[in-house]
Amino acid sequence: MPSAQDLVDKFTDIKTLPHVAIRVTQMAGSDTATMQDFEQVIKLDPVLVIRLLRLVNSPYFGLSSQVESIAKAVVFIGMKHLRNIVAVEGLRNFFTAKEKEAEFSRKNLWVHSATVAILAQMISRRIFGEDGEDVFLAGIIHDIGLIVEDQLVGESLRRVCTTYLAAGQQEIMTDIEDNIIGTNHAKVGRLLAASWHLPEEVVEAIRFHHRGDREYPLPSVIGILQLAEFMACKMNYGVVNDRCDPLPPYLNTHLKNRMAEYKVLLKALPAEMAKARELYDADQEK
């Protein structure tokens, strides 16, 4: 059976995020990077320049005057928000590369990942008062290992999905992957995220997002990601329809104690998803 490193080494769809995305990610986590540094890197990708200026001048931001420079665009969007836009752009086609299939669909995985990302950011902002940019990134990319498995061990992945669907409600998807494939998407995703120089909290959230045997104090990225994934699955935005890993007991207690706040949050979710589609899918409608 292959190890997680074996799969990553053989993966050919993308070995890394685009160079610009990696540099933007590194600078977003730096205390010394300036707006001019961002401008110099972004200029290396003309398509990204066009999209960034179109985005900052869109109704989503509602600015009173036209922004025509990259430096000003970065000021209005913010460094981490910019990083997330670049990551989404780098990964979008990657997730939608194959037709929908009964057992596993990359398109469904993209919808799942986007829903988890939006929910995670909403939880971070509305429940804990944090900016939520790192949990958004973790949400978008947390299941990237499934794409690697789809390319390299696709038949086994479909057997995992079928087995997971038929399994009891306490069964964990990654345990089934370990038994059938020899590794799991959390381990694979963690290796990819580390190679892309993503923030350590994001890398660790990808690694442990299916682990329910220990507590990750809130508002940790891992804890919020687990909450968001559970809620997305319960709303039928899961990787495998009608299946969801159980919520760890400490998160279940948190959810019950703040149920009124989460009900308000979920009522606002459709509007937030519509805003995200406007923001991230604007160019895809053309």
Foldseek 3Di string as FASTA:
>chain_A
DDELVRLLVPFDPDNEQPPLLLVLQVLLPDPPDALVNNQVSQVVPVVSLVLLQCLCPDVLQPDPDRDDGSSVSCVSCDSLSSSLLSVCVRCVCLLQVDDDDQQFHSVLVQLLLQQLLLQLCLCCCQVPNDRSSLLSSLSRQLQVLVSSCCVPVVVLSSVLSVCQVPDDQQDFSQVSCCVRVVGGRLSNSLVRCVVSVHDPLSSVLSNCLRPQPDDDDPPRSNLSSVVSSQVCQVVQSHRRGPGDHDHRPVSVVVCVVCVVSVVVSVVCSVVSVVSVCVNNVVVVVD
